[in-house]
Amino acid sequence: MRKLLDFFNKPLLKIPLVLGALTGILTFMYFLALYFLDITPLGNKKMPDFGIHMIMLVVGCWYYRKYVGKGLLHLWEGLTLCYVLNTTAAFLNGWLIYFFITYVDPAVFTNYLAEMQQLLVQGKGELVKNIGEAEYQQMLRNVMATERSQIITDELSKKTLMAVLPIIIVSMIFRRQDYGVFQGRP
């Protein structure tokens, strides 16, 4: 058991796990804020919560470079830190939302499905023109067959895809090495 605890005590894993858990809780609080403001907390209104992820990615790289790396941060450390942080946050937020829509207020999920179905019906003409009637009907059936548990995988996949470019950019901005081609020269 001690070996397992020692494994998680490494700063490159411990810092993003802690910050990822904090990010997951903060994004869930954003979800709750939308809920209490009577805004459907699932769907497009939830997307600005990725800004919380971005802020925490920057904080994580800055903290690691300043206090652990003593002013240095390799690109691979920044990438690892950001991906672990982002995945932890998305996983925790997905599970918290799942528990909320399953045990606290299931109406949030049914309202979300009804809103998605309404959007598809409103855009039927354009969708049928672009993808055809059969594909439109299949899309409508898929929306109605959506299960609550898909929220978790949806959260993970969307946040992972949305974070690829920002993670690379943040890691490159905070990257600082003590060796390189221009070492000792401007």
C-alpha atoms as a PDB file:
ATOM      1  CA  MET A   1       0.000   0.000   0.000  1.00  0.00           C
ATOM      2  CA  ARG A   2       2.874   2.329   0.793  1.00  0.00           C
ATOM      3  CA  LYS A   3       4.301   1.889  -2.729  1.00  0.00           C
ATOM      4  CA  LEU A   4       0.963   2.938  -4.206  1.00  0.00           C
ATOM      5  CA  LEU A   5       0.818   6.050  -2.029  1.00  0.00           C
ATOM      6  CA  ASP A   6       4.422   6.904  -2.914  1.00  0.00           C
ATOM      7  CA  PHE A   7       3.537   6.676  -6.599  1.00  0.00           C
ATOM      8  CA  PHE A   8       0.842   9.348  -6.214  1.00  0.00           C
ATOM      9  CA  ASN A   9       3.137  11.521  -4.108  1.00  0.00           C
ATOM     10  CA  LYS A  10       5.175  12.620  -7.137  1.00  0.00           C
ATOM     11  CA  PRO A  11       4.654  16.325  -7.878  1.00  0.00           C
ATOM     12  CA  LEU A  12       4.076  15.711 -11.592  1.00  0.00           C
ATOM     13  CA  LEU A  13       1.053  13.602 -10.667  1.00  0.00           C
ATOM     14  CA  LYS A  14      -0.038  15.085  -7.349  1.00  0.00           C
ATOM     15  CA  ILE A  15      -0.300  18.717  -8.487  1.00  0.00           C
ATOM     16  CA  PRO A  16      -2.478  18.095 -11.562  1.00  0.00           C
ATOM     17  CA  LEU A  17      -4.672  15.621  -9.666  1.00  0.00           C
ATOM     18  CA  VAL A  18      -5.340  18.157  -6.912  1.00  0.00           C
ATOM     19  CA  LEU A  19      -5.833  21.042  -9.342  1.00  0.00           C
ATOM     20  CA  GLY A  20      -7.950  18.792 -11.582  1.00  0.00           C
ATOM     21  CA  ALA A  21     -10.204  17.911  -8.654  1.00  0.00           C
ATOM     22  CA  LEU A  22     -10.505  21.610  -7.806  1.00  0.00           C
ATOM     23  CA  THR A  23     -11.298  22.402 -11.447  1.00  0.00           C
ATOM     24  CA  GLY A  24     -13.940  19.656 -11.565  1.00  0.00           C
ATOM     25  CA  ILE A  25     -15.602  21.071  -8.465  1.00  0.00           C
ATOM     26  CA  LEU A  26     -15.469  24.633  -9.837  1.00  0.00           C
ATOM     27  CA  THR A  27     -17.021  23.582 -13.148  1.00  0.00           C
ATOM     28  CA  PHE A  28     -19.728  21.703 -11.274  1.00  0.00           C
ATOM     29  CA  MET A  29     -20.406  24.870  -9.276  1.00  0.00           C
ATOM     30  CA  TYR A  30     -20.830  26.656 -12.639  1.00  0.00           C
ATOM     31  CA  PHE A  31     -23.314  23.928 -13.604  1.00  0.00           C
ATOM     32  CA  LEU A  32     -25.197  24.533 -10.336  1.00  0.00           C
ATOM     33  CA  ALA A  33     -25.163  28.304 -10.892  1.00  0.00           C
ATOM     34  CA  LEU A  34     -26.824  27.804 -14.281  1.00  0.00           C
ATOM     35  CA  TYR A  35     -29.318  25.446 -12.655  1.00  0.00           C
ATOM     36  CA  PHE A  36     -30.257  27.933  -9.937  1.00  0.00           C
ATOM     37  CA  LEU A  37     -30.601  30.710 -12.536  1.00  0.00           C
ATOM     38  CA  ASP A  38     -33.196  28.517 -14.346  1.00  0.00           C
ATOM     39  CA  ILE A  39     -30.956  28.120 -17.395  1.00  0.00           C
ATOM     40  CA  THR A  40     -30.672  24.622 -18.840  1.00  0.00           C
ATOM     41  CA  PRO A  41     -27.255  23.669 -17.436  1.00  0.00           C
ATOM     42  CA  LEU A  42     -26.557  21.088 -20.145  1.00  0.00           C
ATOM     43  CA  GLY A  43     -25.858  21.984 -23.748  1.00  0.00           C
ATOM     44  CA  ASN A  44     -24.357  25.122 -25.252  1.00  0.00           C
ATOM     45  CA  LYS A  45     -24.828  27.297 -22.155  1.00  0.00           C
ATOM     46  CA  LYS A  46     -22.399  25.006 -20.328  1.00  0.00           C
ATOM     47  CA  MET A  47     -19.507  25.557 -22.753  1.00  0.00           C
ATOM     48  CA  PRO A  48     -18.030  28.640 -21.003  1.00  0.00           C
ATOM     49  CA  ASP A  49     -16.987  26.305 -18.182  1.00  0.00           C
ATOM     50  CA  PHE A  50     -13.993  25.442 -20.358  1.00  0.00           C
ATOM     51  CA  GLY A  51     -12.647  28.864 -19.396  1.00  0.00           C
ATOM     52  CA  ILE A  52     -12.250  27.511 -15.862  1.00  0.00           C
ATOM     53  CA  HIS A  53     -10.212  24.649 -17.317  1.00  0.00           C
ATOM     54  CA  MET A  54      -8.014  27.107 -19.203  1.00  0.00           C
ATOM     55  CA  ILE A  55      -7.356  29.239 -16.126  1.00  0.00           C
ATOM     56  CA  MET A  56      -6.427  26.182 -14.085  1.00  0.00           C
ATOM     57  CA  LEU A  57      -4.120  24.862 -16.835  1.00  0.00           C
ATOM     58  CA  VAL A  58      -2.209  28.142 -16.687  1.00  0.00           C
ATOM     59  CA  VAL A  59      -2.167  28.082 -12.877  1.00  0.00           C
ATOM     60  CA  GLY A  60      -0.936  24.486 -12.854  1.00  0.00           C
ATOM     61  CA  CYS A  61       1.949  25.154 -15.256  1.00  0.00           C
ATOM     62  CA  TRP A  62       2.899  28.357 -13.480  1.00  0.00           C
ATOM     63  CA  TYR A  63       2.866  26.703 -10.039  1.00  0.00           C
ATOM     64  CA  TYR A  64       4.834  23.669 -11.191  1.00  0.00           C
ATOM     65  CA  ARG A  65       7.466  25.788 -12.956  1.00  0.00           C
ATOM     66  CA  LYS A  66       7.859  28.189 -10.042  1.00  0.00           C
ATOM     67  CA  TYR A  67       7.829  25.849  -7.031  1.00  0.00           C
ATOM     68  CA  VAL A  68       8.737  22.383  -8.310  1.00  0.00           C
ATOM     69  CA  GLY A  69      10.909  23.047 -11.353  1.00  0.00           C
ATOM     70  CA  LYS A  70      12.701  25.991  -9.723  1.00  0.00           C
ATOM     71  CA  GLY A  71      11.994  28.152 -12.771  1.00  0.00           C
ATOM     72  CA  LEU A  72      12.268  25.358 -15.327  1.00  0.00           C
ATOM     73  CA  LEU A  73       9.551  23.425 -17.114  1.00  0.00           C
ATOM     74  CA  HIS A  74      10.150  20.977 -19.941  1.00  0.00           C
ATOM     75  CA  LEU A  75       7.550  20.697 -22.666  1.00  0.00           C
ATOM     76  CA  TRP A  76       6.730  17.102 -21.749  1.00  0.00           C
ATOM     77  CA  GLU A  77       6.145  18.124 -18.119  1.00  0.00           C
ATOM     78  CA  GLY A  78       3.751  20.855 -19.198  1.00  0.00           C
ATOM     79  CA  LEU A  79       1.876  18.499 -21.534  1.00  0.00           C
ATOM     80  CA  THR A  80       1.635  15.791 -18.868  1.00  0.00           C
ATOM     81  CA  LEU A  81       0.533  18.247 -16.219  1.00  0.00           C
ATOM     82  CA  CYS A  82      -2.147  19.797 -18.430  1.00  0.00           C
ATOM     83  CA  TYR A  83      -3.561  16.522 -19.764  1.00  0.00           C
ATOM     84  CA  VAL A  84      -3.800  14.942 -16.303  1.00  0.00           C
ATOM     85  CA  LEU A  85      -5.405  18.109 -14.905  1.00  0.00           C
ATOM     86  CA  ASN A  86      -7.915  18.373 -17.760  1.00  0.00           C
ATOM     87  CA  THR A  87      -8.844  14.680 -17.709  1.00  0.00           C
ATOM     88  CA  THR A  88      -9.263  14.619 -13.930  1.00  0.00           C
ATOM     89  CA  ALA A  89     -11.470  17.717 -14.024  1.00  0.00           C
ATOM     90  CA  ALA A  90     -13.650  16.417 -16.858  1.00  0.00           C
ATOM     91  CA  PHE A  91     -14.012  12.993 -15.225  1.00  0.00           C
ATOM     92  CA  LEU A  92     -14.993  14.429 -11.841  1.00  0.00           C
ATOM     93  CA  ASN A  93     -17.347  17.006 -13.358  1.00  0.00           C
ATOM     94  CA  GLY A  94     -18.988  14.320 -15.506  1.00  0.00           C
ATOM     95  CA  TRP A  95     -19.647  12.109 -12.501  1.00  0.00           C
ATOM     96  CA  LEU A  96     -20.961  15.003 -10.389  1.00  0.00           C
ATOM     97  CA  ILE A  97     -23.359  16.011 -13.167  1.00  0.00           C
ATOM     98  CA  TYR A  98     -24.425  12.385 -13.586  1.00  0.00           C
ATOM     99  CA  PHE A  99     -25.228  12.066  -9.883  1.00  0.00           C
ATOM    100  CA  PHE A 100     -27.089  15.371  -9.978  1.00  0.00           C
ATOM    101  CA  ILE A 101     -29.287  14.466 -12.957  1.00  0.00           C
ATOM    102  CA  THR A 102     -29.881  10.959 -11.616  1.00  0.00           C
ATOM    103  CA  TYR A 103     -30.596  11.566  -7.936  1.00  0.00           C
ATOM    104  CA  VAL A 104     -31.242  15.290  -7.349  1.00  0.00           C
ATOM    105  CA  ASP A 105     -33.238  16.558 -10.327  1.00  0.00           C
ATOM    106  CA  PRO A 106     -33.875  14.159 -13.237  1.00  0.00           C
ATOM    107  CA  ALA A 107     -35.956  16.868 -14.943  1.00  0.00           C
ATOM    108  CA  VAL A 108     -32.734  18.635 -15.968  1.00  0.00           C
ATOM    109  CA  PHE A 109     -31.860  15.740 -18.262  1.00  0.00           C
ATOM    110  CA  THR A 110     -35.357  15.339 -19.699  1.00  0.00           C
ATOM    111  CA  ASN A 111     -35.548  19.096 -20.366  1.00  0.00           C
ATOM    112  CA  TYR A 112     -32.168  18.906 -22.079  1.00  0.00           C
ATOM    113  CA  LEU A 113     -33.359  16.080 -24.340  1.00  0.00           C
ATOM    114  CA  ALA A 114     -36.561  17.978 -25.134  1.00  0.00           C
ATOM    115  CA  GLU A 115     -34.523  21.092 -25.997  1.00  0.00           C
ATOM    116  CA  MET A 116     -32.226  19.078 -28.278  1.00  0.00           C
ATOM    117  CA  GLN A 117     -35.219  17.489 -29.991  1.00  0.00           C
ATOM    118  CA  GLN A 118     -36.846  20.894 -30.450  1.00  0.00           C
ATOM    119  CA  LEU A 119     -33.652  22.265 -32.035  1.00  0.00           C
ATOM    120  CA  LEU A 120     -33.583  19.349 -34.465  1.00  0.00           C
ATOM    121  CA  VAL A 121     -37.250  19.847 -35.369  1.00  0.00           C
ATOM    122  CA  GLN A 122     -36.725  23.595 -35.887  1.00  0.00           C
ATOM    123  CA  GLY A 123     -33.812  22.985 -38.235  1.00  0.00           C
ATOM    124  CA  LYS A 124     -35.398  20.044 -40.014  1.00  0.00           C
ATOM    125  CA  GLY A 125     -35.554  21.700 -43.441  1.00  0.00           C
ATOM    126  CA  GLU A 126     -31.873  22.572 -43.489  1.00  0.00           C
ATOM    127  CA  LEU A 127     -30.820  19.231 -42.001  1.00  0.00           C
ATOM    128  CA  VAL A 128     -32.892  17.173 -44.451  1.00  0.00           C
ATOM    129  CA  LYS A 129     -31.459  19.198 -47.335  1.00  0.00           C
ATOM    130  CA  ASN A 130     -27.880  18.574 -46.130  1.00  0.00           C
ATOM    131  CA  ILE A 131     -27.962  15.002 -44.803  1.00  0.00           C
ATOM    132  CA  GLY A 132     -31.219  13.467 -46.057  1.00  0.00           C
ATOM    133  CA  GLU A 133     -34.453  12.341 -44.421  1.00  0.00           C
ATOM    134  CA  ALA A 134     -33.172   8.926 -43.278  1.00  0.00           C
ATOM    135  CA  GLU A 135     -30.147  10.418 -41.495  1.00  0.00           C
ATOM    136  CA  TYR A 136     -32.332  13.100 -39.930  1.00  0.00           C
ATOM    137  CA  GLN A 137     -34.717  10.476 -38.521  1.00  0.00           C
ATOM    138  CA  GLN A 138     -31.752   8.469 -37.214  1.00  0.00           C
ATOM    139  CA  MET A 139     -30.351  11.596 -35.534  1.00  0.00           C
ATOM    140  CA  LEU A 140     -33.726  12.261 -33.908  1.00  0.00           C
ATOM    141  CA  ARG A 141     -33.899   8.662 -32.622  1.00  0.00           C
ATOM    142  CA  ASN A 142     -30.356   8.911 -31.262  1.00  0.00           C
ATOM    143  CA  VAL A 143     -31.244  12.040 -29.301  1.00  0.00           C
ATOM    144  CA  MET A 144     -34.225  10.348 -27.695  1.00  0.00           C
ATOM    145  CA  ALA A 145     -32.154   7.212 -26.925  1.00  0.00           C
ATOM    146  CA  THR A 146     -29.511   9.205 -25.031  1.00  0.00           C
ATOM    147  CA  GLU A 147     -28.921   7.864 -21.517  1.00  0.00           C
ATOM    148  CA  ARG A 148     -27.796   9.738 -18.434  1.00  0.00           C
ATOM    149  CA  SER A 149     -24.545   7.794 -18.233  1.00  0.00           C
ATOM    150  CA  GLN A 150     -23.466   9.201 -21.602  1.00  0.00           C
ATOM    151  CA  ILE A 151     -22.967  12.558 -19.881  1.00  0.00           C
ATOM    152  CA  ILE A 152     -19.732  11.250 -18.334  1.00  0.00           C
ATOM    153  CA  THR A 153     -18.164  10.089 -21.600  1.00  0.00           C
ATOM    154  CA  ASP A 154     -19.508  13.156 -23.394  1.00  0.00           C
ATOM    155  CA  GLU A 155     -17.828  15.439 -20.859  1.00  0.00           C
ATOM    156  CA  LEU A 156     -14.535  13.557 -21.137  1.00  0.00           C
ATOM    157  CA  SER A 157     -14.482  13.454 -24.926  1.00  0.00           C
ATOM    158  CA  LYS A 158     -15.511  17.089 -25.440  1.00  0.00           C
ATOM    159  CA  LYS A 159     -13.064  18.468 -22.900  1.00  0.00           C
ATOM    160  CA  THR A 160     -10.242  16.318 -24.279  1.00  0.00           C
ATOM    161  CA  LEU A 161     -10.856  17.439 -27.859  1.00  0.00           C
ATOM    162  CA  MET A 162     -11.335  21.071 -26.890  1.00  0.00           C
ATOM    163  CA  ALA A 163      -8.124  21.068 -24.852  1.00  0.00           C
ATOM    164  CA  VAL A 164      -5.626  19.711 -27.377  1.00  0.00           C
ATOM    165  CA  LEU A 165      -4.527  23.023 -28.879  1.00  0.00           C
ATOM    166  CA  PRO A 166      -4.762  25.102 -25.658  1.00  0.00           C
ATOM    167  CA  ILE A 167      -2.692  22.514 -23.775  1.00  0.00           C
ATOM    168  CA  ILE A 168       0.049  22.648 -26.387  1.00  0.00           C
ATOM    169  CA  ILE A 169       0.036  26.451 -26.372  1.00  0.00           C
ATOM    170  CA  VAL A 170       0.074  26.748 -22.556  1.00  0.00           C
ATOM    171  CA  SER A 171       2.848  24.148 -22.295  1.00  0.00           C
ATOM    172  CA  MET A 172       4.948  25.965 -24.880  1.00  0.00           C
ATOM    173  CA  ILE A 173       4.421  29.355 -23.255  1.00  0.00           C
ATOM    174  CA  PHE A 174       5.528  28.102 -19.822  1.00  0.00           C
ATOM    175  CA  ARG A 175       8.342  25.958 -21.207  1.00  0.00           C
ATOM    176  CA  ARG A 176      11.765  26.970 -19.932  1.00  0.00           C
ATOM    177  CA  GLN A 177      14.861  24.765 -20.066  1.00  0.00           C
ATOM    178  CA  ASP A 178      18.406  25.138 -18.827  1.00  0.00           C
ATOM    179  CA  TYR A 179      19.888  23.834 -22.081  1.00  0.00           C
ATOM    180  CA  GLY A 180      19.322  24.430 -25.742  1.00  0.00           C
ATOM    181  CA  VAL A 181      20.755  25.671 -29.025  1.00  0.00           C
ATOM    182  CA  PHE A 182      20.854  29.298 -27.902  1.00  0.00           C
ATOM    183  CA  GLN A 183      22.323  28.564 -24.472  1.00  0.00           C
ATOM    184  CA  GLY A 184      24.346  31.572 -23.368  1.00  0.00           C
ATOM    185  CA  ARG A 185      23.422  33.603 -26.480  1.00  0.00           C
ATOM    186  CA  PRO A 186      20.401  35.823 -27.206  1.00  0.00           C
END
